[in-house]
PDB file of all heavy atoms in Angstrom:
ATOM      1  N   LEU A   1      -7.735-112.632-111.651  1.00  0.00           N
ATOM      2  CA  LEU A   1      -7.450-113.585-110.541  1.00  0.00           C
ATOM      3  C   LEU A   1      -6.499-113.027-109.590  1.00  0.00           C
ATOM      4  O   LEU A   1      -6.703-113.199-108.318  1.00  0.00           O
ATOM      5  CB  LEU A   1      -7.117-114.899-111.245  1.00  0.00           C
ATOM      6  CG  LEU A   1      -8.042-115.791-112.007  1.00  0.00           C
ATOM      7  CD1 LEU A   1      -7.361-116.807-112.747  1.00  0.00           C
ATOM      8  CD2 LEU A   1      -9.192-116.446-110.914  1.00  0.00           C
ATOM      9  N   GLU A   2      -5.409-112.486-109.987  1.00  0.00           N
ATOM     10  CA  GLU A   2      -4.423-111.919-109.138  1.00  0.00           C
ATOM     11  C   GLU A   2      -5.016-110.873-108.282  1.00  0.00           C
ATOM     12  O   GLU A   2      -4.700-110.769-107.057  1.00  0.00           O
ATOM     13  CB  GLU A   2      -3.139-111.554-109.891  1.00  0.00           C
ATOM     14  CG  GLU A   2      -2.246-112.623-110.215  1.00  0.00           C
ATOM     15  CD  GLU A   2      -1.483-113.163-109.018  1.00  0.00           C
ATOM     16  OE1 GLU A   2      -0.551-112.464-108.496  1.00  0.00           O
ATOM     17  OE2 GLU A   2      -1.940-114.194-108.441  1.00  0.00           O
ATOM     18  N   GLY A   3      -5.720-109.997-108.809  1.00  0.00           N
ATOM     19  CA  GLY A   3      -6.423-108.927-108.080  1.00  0.00           C
ATOM     20  C   GLY A   3      -7.389-109.352-107.032  1.00  0.00           C
ATOM     21  O   GLY A   3      -7.220-108.921-105.962  1.00  0.00           O
ATOM     22  N   CYS A   4      -8.241-110.413-107.348  1.00  0.00           N
ATOM     23  CA  CYS A   4      -9.040-110.952-106.433  1.00  0.00           C
ATOM     24  C   CYS A   4      -8.335-111.693-105.303  1.00  0.00           C
ATOM     25  O   CYS A   4      -8.689-111.542-104.142  1.00  0.00           O
ATOM     26  CB  CYS A   4      -9.986-111.978-107.074  1.00  0.00           C
ATOM     27  SG  CYS A   4     -11.163-111.241-108.206  1.00  0.00           S
ATOM     28  N   ARG A   5      -7.225-112.355-105.653  1.00  0.00           N
ATOM     29  CA  ARG A   5      -6.467-113.007-104.635  1.00  0.00           C
ATOM     30  C   ARG A   5      -5.865-112.192-103.609  1.00  0.00           C
ATOM     31  O   ARG A   5      -6.052-112.344-102.400  1.00  0.00           O
ATOM     32  CB  ARG A   5      -5.320-113.850-105.393  1.00  0.00           C
ATOM     33  CG  ARG A   5      -4.241-114.442-104.517  1.00  0.00           C
ATOM     34  CD  ARG A   5      -2.961-114.667-105.099  1.00  0.00           C
ATOM     35  NE  ARG A   5      -1.874-114.969-104.292  1.00  0.00           N
ATOM     36  CZ  ARG A   5      -0.538-115.114-104.757  1.00  0.00           C
ATOM     37  NH1 ARG A   5      -0.403-114.963-106.072  1.00  0.00           N
ATOM     38  NH2 ARG A   5       0.295-115.381-103.905  1.00  0.00           N
ATOM     39  N   HIS A   6      -5.290-111.021-104.185  1.00  0.00           N
ATOM     40  CA  HIS A   6      -4.565-110.264-103.229  1.00  0.00           C
ATOM     41  C   HIS A   6      -5.416-109.341-102.362  1.00  0.00           C
ATOM     42  O   HIS A   6      -5.202-109.012-101.319  1.00  0.00           O
ATOM     43  CB  HIS A   6      -3.521-109.331-103.900  1.00  0.00           C
ATOM     44  CG  HIS A   6      -2.379-110.087-104.487  1.00  0.00           C
ATOM     45  ND1 HIS A   6      -1.328-110.585-103.497  1.00  0.00           N
ATOM     46  CD2 HIS A   6      -1.908-110.391-105.677  1.00  0.00           C
ATOM     47  CE1 HIS A   6      -0.389-111.252-104.367  1.00  0.00           C
ATOM     48  NE2 HIS A   6      -0.833-111.036-105.587  1.00  0.00           N
ATOM     49  N   ALA A   7      -6.770-109.166-102.945  1.00  0.00           N
ATOM     50  CA  ALA A   7      -7.692-108.191-102.227  1.00  0.00           C
ATOM     51  C   ALA A   7      -8.527-109.072-101.431  1.00  0.00           C
ATOM     52  O   ALA A   7      -9.387-108.651-100.705  1.00  0.00           O
ATOM     53  CB  ALA A   7      -8.477-107.445-103.192  1.00  0.00           C
ATOM     54  N   LYS A   8      -8.334-110.460-101.398  1.00  0.00           N
ATOM     55  CA  LYS A   8      -9.128-111.298-100.627  1.00  0.00           C
ATOM     56  C   LYS A   8     -10.579-111.207-100.850  1.00  0.00           C
ATOM     57  O   LYS A   8     -11.474-111.059 -99.907  1.00  0.00           O
ATOM     58  CB  LYS A   8      -8.894-111.124 -99.110  1.00  0.00           C
ATOM     59  CG  LYS A   8      -7.352-111.519 -98.669  1.00  0.00           C
ATOM     60  CD  LYS A   8      -7.104-111.410 -97.285  1.00  0.00           C
ATOM     61  CE  LYS A   8      -5.619-111.589 -96.985  1.00  0.00           C
ATOM     62  NZ  LYS A   8      -5.065-112.700 -97.685  1.00  0.00           N
ATOM     63  N   VAL A   9     -10.900-111.153-102.094  1.00  0.00           N
ATOM     64  CA  VAL A   9     -12.370-111.006-102.549  1.00  0.00           C
ATOM     65  C   VAL A   9     -13.057-112.375-102.257  1.00  0.00           C
ATOM     66  O   VAL A   9     -12.545-113.412-102.218  1.00  0.00           O
ATOM     67  CB  VAL A   9     -12.384-110.901-104.134  1.00  0.00           C
ATOM     68  CG1 VAL A   9     -13.727-111.098-104.678  1.00  0.00           C
ATOM     69  CG2 VAL A   9     -11.961-109.518-104.451  1.00  0.00           C
ATOM     70  N   LYS A  10     -14.252-112.217-101.723  1.00  0.00           N
ATOM     71  CA  LYS A  10     -15.016-113.275-101.194  1.00  0.00           C
ATOM     72  C   LYS A  10     -15.780-114.120-102.215  1.00  0.00           C
ATOM     73  O   LYS A  10     -16.188-115.182-101.948  1.00  0.00           O
ATOM     74  CB  LYS A  10     -16.110-112.760-100.191  1.00  0.00           C
ATOM     75  CG  LYS A  10     -15.517-112.109 -98.949  1.00  0.00           C
ATOM     76  CD  LYS A  10     -16.528-111.678 -98.060  1.00  0.00           C
ATOM     77  CE  LYS A  10     -15.996-111.039 -96.769  1.00  0.00           C
ATOM     78  NZ  LYS A  10     -15.258-109.787 -96.954  1.00  0.00           N
ATOM     79  N   HIS A  11     -15.859-113.590-103.499  1.00  0.00           N
ATOM     80  CA  HIS A  11     -16.497-114.377-104.472  1.00  0.00           C
ATOM     81  C   HIS A  11     -16.189-113.763-105.898  1.00  0.00           C
ATOM     82  O   HIS A  11     -16.312-112.661-106.064  1.00  0.00           O
ATOM     83  CB  HIS A  11     -18.109-114.463-104.345  1.00  0.00           C
ATOM     84  CG  HIS A  11     -18.797-115.375-105.197  1.00  0.00           C
ATOM     85  ND1 HIS A  11     -20.064-115.406-105.487  1.00  0.00           N
ATOM     86  CD2 HIS A  11     -18.267-116.527-105.989  1.00  0.00           C
ATOM     87  CE1 HIS A  11     -20.440-116.467-106.131  1.00  0.00           C
ATOM     88  NE2 HIS A  11     -19.356-117.060-106.594  1.00  0.00           N
ATOM     89  N   LEU A  12     -15.761-114.708-106.776  1.00  0.00           N
ATOM     90  CA  LEU A  12     -15.503-114.095-108.211  1.00  0.00           C
ATOM     91  C   LEU A  12     -16.424-114.953-109.095  1.00  0.00           C
ATOM     92  O   LEU A  12     -16.427-116.187-109.119  1.00  0.00           O
ATOM     93  CB  LEU A  12     -14.020-114.454-108.704  1.00  0.00           C
ATOM     94  CG  LEU A  12     -13.761-114.276-110.107  1.00  0.00           C
ATOM     95  CD1 LEU A  12     -14.096-112.922-110.661  1.00  0.00           C
ATOM     96  CD2 LEU A  12     -12.359-114.911-110.466  1.00  0.00           C
ATOM     97  N   VAL A  13     -17.353-114.128-109.744  1.00  0.00           N
ATOM     98  CA  VAL A  13     -18.239-114.799-110.744  1.00  0.00           C
ATOM     99  C   VAL A  13     -17.702-114.445-112.073  1.00  0.00           C
ATOM    100  O   VAL A  13     -17.540-113.088-112.342  1.00  0.00           O
ATOM    101  CB  VAL A  13     -19.663-114.272-110.619  1.00  0.00           C
ATOM    102  CG1 VAL A  13     -20.582-114.806-111.633  1.00  0.00           C
ATOM    103  CG2 VAL A  13     -20.151-114.694-109.282  1.00  0.00           C
ATOM    104  N   PHE A  14     -17.441-115.349-113.043  1.00  0.00           N
ATOM    105  CA  PHE A  14     -16.808-114.980-114.264  1.00  0.00           C
ATOM    106  C   PHE A  14     -17.597-115.700-115.463  1.00  0.00           C
ATOM    107  O   PHE A  14     -18.329-116.675-115.303  1.00  0.00           O
ATOM    108  CB  PHE A  14     -15.333-115.501-114.301  1.00  0.00           C
ATOM    109  CG  PHE A  14     -15.147-116.925-114.315  1.00  0.00           C
ATOM    110  CD1 PHE A  14     -15.017-117.631-115.442  1.00  0.00           C
ATOM    111  CD2 PHE A  14     -15.004-117.458-113.055  1.00  0.00           C
ATOM    112  CE1 PHE A  14     -14.724-119.031-115.418  1.00  0.00           C
ATOM    113  CE2 PHE A  14     -14.915-118.903-113.062  1.00  0.00           C
ATOM    114  CZ  PHE A  14     -14.747-119.608-114.196  1.00  0.00           C
ATOM    115  N   ALA A  15     -17.531-115.060-116.638  1.00  0.00           N
ATOM    116  CA  ALA A  15     -18.233-115.553-117.859  1.00  0.00           C
ATOM    117  C   ALA A  15     -17.399-116.664-118.441  1.00  0.00           C
ATOM    118  O   ALA A  15     -16.343-116.496-118.794  1.00  0.00           O
ATOM    119  CB  ALA A  15     -18.432-114.496-118.849  1.00  0.00           C
ATOM    120  N   SER A  16     -18.105-117.823-118.620  1.00  0.00           N
ATOM    121  CA  SER A  16     -17.515-118.834-119.515  1.00  0.00           C
ATOM    122  C   SER A  16     -18.527-118.744-120.739  1.00  0.00           C
ATOM    123  O   SER A  16     -19.058-117.829-120.989  1.00  0.00           O
ATOM    124  CB  SER A  16     -17.475-120.268-118.863  1.00  0.00           C
ATOM    125  OG  SER A  16     -16.805-121.199-119.614  1.00  0.00           O
ATOM    126  N   SER A  17     -18.671-119.949-121.472  1.00  0.00           N
ATOM    127  CA  SER A  17     -19.421-120.016-122.590  1.00  0.00           C
ATOM    128  C   SER A  17     -19.931-121.444-122.933  1.00  0.00           C
ATOM    129  O   SER A  17     -19.085-122.336-122.568  1.00  0.00           O
ATOM    130  CB  SER A  17     -18.628-119.417-123.749  1.00  0.00           C
ATOM    131  OG  SER A  17     -19.222-119.640-124.977  1.00  0.00           O
ATOM    132  N   SER A  18     -20.911-121.562-123.513  1.00  0.00           N
ATOM    133  CA  SER A  18     -21.507-122.812-124.130  1.00  0.00           C
ATOM    134  C   SER A  18     -20.523-123.408-125.080  1.00  0.00           C
ATOM    135  O   SER A  18     -20.513-124.585-125.377  1.00  0.00           O
ATOM    136  CB  SER A  18     -22.833-122.724-124.697  1.00  0.00           C
ATOM    137  OG  SER A  18     -22.926-121.970-125.802  1.00  0.00           O
ATOM    138  N   SER A  19     -19.690-122.625-125.544  1.00  0.00           N
ATOM    139  CA  SER A  19     -18.551-122.983-126.625  1.00  0.00           C
ATOM    140  C   SER A  19     -17.756-124.035-126.084  1.00  0.00           C
ATOM    141  O   SER A  19     -17.129-124.927-126.806  1.00  0.00           O
ATOM    142  CB  SER A  19     -17.883-121.812-127.214  1.00  0.00           C
ATOM    143  OG  SER A  19     -18.766-120.860-127.890  1.00  0.00           O
ATOM    144  N   VAL A  20     -17.566-124.077-124.757  1.00  0.00           N
ATOM    145  CA  VAL A  20     -16.646-125.105-124.115  1.00  0.00           C
ATOM    146  C   VAL A  20     -17.109-126.552-124.508  1.00  0.00           C
ATOM    147  O   VAL A  20     -16.264-127.456-124.500  1.00  0.00           O
ATOM    148  CB  VAL A  20     -16.431-124.888-122.662  1.00  0.00           C
ATOM    149  CG1 VAL A  20     -15.883-123.460-122.325  1.00  0.00           C
ATOM    150  CG2 VAL A  20     -17.681-125.310-121.869  1.00  0.00           C
ATOM    151  N   TYR A  21     -18.331-126.789-124.752  1.00  0.00           N
ATOM    152  CA  TYR A  21     -18.764-128.120-125.035  1.00  0.00           C
ATOM    153  C   TYR A  21     -18.275-128.675-126.430  1.00  0.00           C
ATOM    154  O   TYR A  21     -18.286-129.871-126.590  1.00  0.00           O
ATOM    155  CB  TYR A  21     -20.293-128.129-124.977  1.00  0.00           C
ATOM    156  CG  TYR A  21     -20.905-127.994-123.595  1.00  0.00           C
ATOM    157  CD1 TYR A  21     -21.438-126.814-123.085  1.00  0.00           C
ATOM    158  CD2 TYR A  21     -20.752-129.049-122.625  1.00  0.00           C
ATOM    159  CE1 TYR A  21     -21.889-126.669-121.804  1.00  0.00           C
ATOM    160  CE2 TYR A  21     -21.164-128.933-121.268  1.00  0.00           C
ATOM    161  CZ  TYR A  21     -21.677-127.702-120.846  1.00  0.00           C
ATOM    162  OH  TYR A  21     -22.148-127.491-119.590  1.00  0.00           O
ATOM    163  N   GLY A  22     -17.941-127.743-127.298  1.00  0.00           N
ATOM    164  CA  GLY A  22     -17.229-128.185-128.440  1.00  0.00           C
ATOM    165  C   GLY A  22     -17.839-129.147-129.318  1.00  0.00           C
ATOM    166  O   GLY A  22     -19.082-129.109-129.608  1.00  0.00           O
ATOM    167  N   SER A  23     -17.183-130.329-129.479  1.00  0.00           N
ATOM    168  CA  SER A  23     -17.757-131.365-130.435  1.00  0.00           C
ATOM    169  C   SER A  23     -18.634-132.325-129.746  1.00  0.00           C
ATOM    170  O   SER A  23     -19.044-133.374-130.178  1.00  0.00           O
ATOM    171  CB  SER A  23     -16.581-132.099-131.017  1.00  0.00           C
ATOM    172  OG  SER A  23     -15.707-132.532-130.134  1.00  0.00           O
ATOM    173  N   ASN A  24     -19.030-131.936-128.437  1.00  0.00           N
ATOM    174  CA  ASN A  24     -19.977-132.946-127.679  1.00  0.00           C
ATOM    175  C   ASN A  24     -21.232-132.928-128.452  1.00  0.00           C
ATOM    176  O   ASN A  24     -21.760-132.099-128.930  1.00  0.00           O
ATOM    177  CB  ASN A  24     -20.255-132.311-126.321  1.00  0.00           C
ATOM    178  CG  ASN A  24     -19.162-132.334-125.251  1.00  0.00           C
ATOM    179  OD1 ASN A  24     -17.980-132.639-125.711  1.00  0.00           O
ATOM    180  ND2 ASN A  24     -19.374-132.338-124.042  1.00  0.00           N
ATOM    181  N   ALA A  25     -21.834-134.223-128.528  1.00  0.00           N
ATOM    182  CA  ALA A  25     -23.047-134.496-129.296  1.00  0.00           C
ATOM    183  C   ALA A  25     -24.182-134.872-128.360  1.00  0.00           C
ATOM    184  O   ALA A  25     -25.342-134.862-128.892  1.00  0.00           O
ATOM    185  CB  ALA A  25     -22.815-135.601-130.326  1.00  0.00           C
ATOM    186  N   LYS A  26     -23.966-135.204-127.159  1.00  0.00           N
ATOM    187  CA  LYS A  26     -25.014-135.606-126.211  1.00  0.00           C
ATOM    188  C   LYS A  26     -25.666-134.324-125.794  1.00  0.00           C
ATOM    189  O   LYS A  26     -25.118-133.290-125.288  1.00  0.00           O
ATOM    190  CB  LYS A  26     -24.427-136.292-125.018  1.00  0.00           C
ATOM    191  CG  LYS A  26     -25.522-136.606-123.989  1.00  0.00           C
ATOM    192  CD  LYS A  26     -24.861-137.395-122.843  1.00  0.00           C
ATOM    193  CE  LYS A  26     -24.267-136.528-121.863  1.00  0.00           C
ATOM    194  NZ  LYS A  26     -25.173-135.353-121.180  1.00  0.00           N
ATOM    195  N   LEU A  27     -26.998-134.228-126.031  1.00  0.00           N
ATOM    196  CA  LEU A  27     -27.841-133.083-125.727  1.00  0.00           C
ATOM    197  C   LEU A  27     -28.855-133.554-124.657  1.00  0.00           C
ATOM    198  O   LEU A  27     -29.398-134.611-124.623  1.00  0.00           O
ATOM    199  CB  LEU A  27     -28.528-132.563-126.893  1.00  0.00           C
ATOM    200  CG  LEU A  27     -27.705-131.910-128.006  1.00  0.00           C
ATOM    201  CD1 LEU A  27     -28.531-131.640-129.180  1.00  0.00           C
ATOM    202  CD2 LEU A  27     -26.791-130.772-127.494  1.00  0.00           C
ATOM    203  N   PRO A  28     -29.215-132.660-123.626  1.00  0.00           N
ATOM    204  CA  PRO A  28     -28.696-131.300-123.506  1.00  0.00           C
ATOM    205  C   PRO A  28     -27.213-131.366-122.800  1.00  0.00           C
ATOM    206  O   PRO A  28     -26.897-132.482-122.329  1.00  0.00           O
ATOM    207  CB  PRO A  28     -29.648-130.623-122.488  1.00  0.00           C
ATOM    208  CG  PRO A  28     -30.121-131.883-121.725  1.00  0.00           C
ATOM    209  CD  PRO A  28     -30.210-132.859-122.622  1.00  0.00           C
ATOM    210  N   PHE A  29     -26.479-130.266-122.959  1.00  0.00           N
ATOM    211  CA  PHE A  29     -25.087-130.186-122.331  1.00  0.00           C
ATOM    212  C   PHE A  29     -25.343-129.956-120.904  1.00  0.00           C
ATOM    213  O   PHE A  29     -25.995-129.175-120.383  1.00  0.00           O
ATOM    214  CB  PHE A  29     -24.390-129.014-122.901  1.00  0.00           C
ATOM    215  CG  PHE A  29     -24.110-129.069-124.317  1.00  0.00           C
ATOM    216  CD1 PHE A  29     -24.022-127.886-125.230  1.00  0.00           C
ATOM    217  CD2 PHE A  29     -23.887-130.267-125.049  1.00  0.00           C
ATOM    218  CE1 PHE A  29     -23.790-127.986-126.551  1.00  0.00           C
ATOM    219  CE2 PHE A  29     -23.536-130.300-126.403  1.00  0.00           C
ATOM    220  CZ  PHE A  29     -23.520-129.207-127.177  1.00  0.00           C
ATOM    221  N   SER A  30     -24.477-130.839-120.152  1.00  0.00           N
ATOM    222  CA  SER A  30     -24.502-130.778-118.587  1.00  0.00           C
ATOM    223  C   SER A  30     -23.223-130.413-118.256  1.00  0.00           C
ATOM    224  O   SER A  30     -22.171-130.679-118.809  1.00  0.00           O
ATOM    225  CB  SER A  30     -24.935-132.218-118.108  1.00  0.00           C
ATOM    226  OG  SER A  30     -24.618-132.196-116.759  1.00  0.00           O
ATOM    227  N   GLU A  31     -23.036-129.675-117.064  1.00  0.00           N
ATOM    228  CA  GLU A  31     -21.847-129.298-116.416  1.00  0.00           C
ATOM    229  C   GLU A  31     -21.065-130.470-116.066  1.00  0.00           C
ATOM    230  O   GLU A  31     -19.781-130.346-115.888  1.00  0.00           O
ATOM    231  CB  GLU A  31     -22.216-128.295-115.215  1.00  0.00           C
ATOM    232  CG  GLU A  31     -22.858-126.990-115.525  1.00  0.00           C
ATOM    233  CD  GLU A  31     -24.300-127.181-115.307  1.00  0.00           C
ATOM    234  OE1 GLU A  31     -24.834-128.411-115.495  1.00  0.00           O
ATOM    235  OE2 GLU A  31     -25.005-126.269-114.821  1.00  0.00           O
ATOM    236  N   ASP A  32     -21.709-131.604-115.928  1.00  0.00           N
ATOM    237  CA  ASP A  32     -20.950-132.815-115.532  1.00  0.00           C
ATOM    238  C   ASP A  32     -20.335-133.520-116.734  1.00  0.00           C
ATOM    239  O   ASP A  32     -19.590-134.539-116.580  1.00  0.00           O
ATOM    240  CB  ASP A  32     -21.959-133.802-114.935  1.00  0.00           C
ATOM    241  CG  ASP A  32     -22.495-133.289-113.567  1.00  0.00           C
ATOM    242  OD1 ASP A  32     -21.657-132.709-112.888  1.00  0.00           O
ATOM    243  OD2 ASP A  32     -23.672-133.511-113.221  1.00  0.00           O
ATOM    244  N   ASP A  33     -20.612-132.955-117.961  1.00  0.00           N
ATOM    245  CA  ASP A  33     -19.960-133.566-119.220  1.00  0.00           C
ATOM    246  C   ASP A  33     -18.524-133.203-119.305  1.00  0.00           C
ATOM    247  O   ASP A  33     -18.154-132.120-118.891  1.00  0.00           O
ATOM    248  CB  ASP A  33     -20.683-133.078-120.411  1.00  0.00           C
ATOM    249  CG  ASP A  33     -22.156-133.632-120.477  1.00  0.00           C
ATOM    250  OD1 ASP A  33     -22.334-134.519-119.873  1.00  0.00           O
ATOM    251  OD2 ASP A  33     -23.021-132.907-121.275  1.00  0.00           O
ATOM    252  N   ASN A  34     -17.754-134.090-119.953  1.00  0.00           N
ATOM    253  CA  ASN A  34     -16.322-133.708-120.292  1.00  0.00           C
ATOM    254  C   ASN A  34     -16.260-132.593-121.383  1.00  0.00           C
ATOM    255  O   ASN A  34     -17.083-132.590-122.307  1.00  0.00           O
ATOM    256  CB  ASN A  34     -15.656-135.026-120.834  1.00  0.00           C
ATOM    257  CG  ASN A  34     -14.102-134.727-121.191  1.00  0.00           C
ATOM    258  OD1 ASN A  34     -13.851-134.103-122.110  1.00  0.00           O
ATOM    259  ND2 ASN A  34     -13.280-135.291-120.323  1.00  0.00           N
ATOM    260  N   VAL A  35     -15.385-131.606-121.167  1.00  0.00           N
ATOM    261  CA  VAL A  35     -15.282-130.544-122.174  1.00  0.00           C
ATOM    262  C   VAL A  35     -13.915-130.380-122.643  1.00  0.00           C
ATOM    263  O   VAL A  35     -13.351-129.405-122.648  1.00  0.00           O
ATOM    264  CB  VAL A  35     -15.808-129.226-121.573  1.00  0.00           C
ATOM    265  CG1 VAL A  35     -17.329-129.297-121.419  1.00  0.00           C
ATOM    266  CG2 VAL A  35     -15.244-128.853-120.269  1.00  0.00           C
ATOM    267  N   ASP A  36     -13.377-131.524-122.933  1.00  0.00           N
ATOM    268  CA  ASP A  36     -11.894-131.610-123.354  1.00  0.00           C
ATOM    269  C   ASP A  36     -11.648-131.520-124.948  1.00  0.00           C
ATOM    270  O   ASP A  36     -10.544-131.586-125.383  1.00  0.00           O
ATOM    271  CB  ASP A  36     -11.139-132.772-122.887  1.00  0.00           C
ATOM    272  CG  ASP A  36     -10.951-132.748-121.368  1.00  0.00           C
ATOM    273  OD1 ASP A  36     -11.013-131.560-120.777  1.00  0.00           O
ATOM    274  OD2 ASP A  36     -10.681-133.706-120.768  1.00  0.00           O
TER     275      ASP A  36
END
């Protein structure tokens, strides 16, 4: 993030994971779901 910030990169694409949905039971998982 710091490298992209200082280099004024125009777009950072990064890997997250379906694991963030954790104990969510509503399927399918939506990006609009809470992932706390």
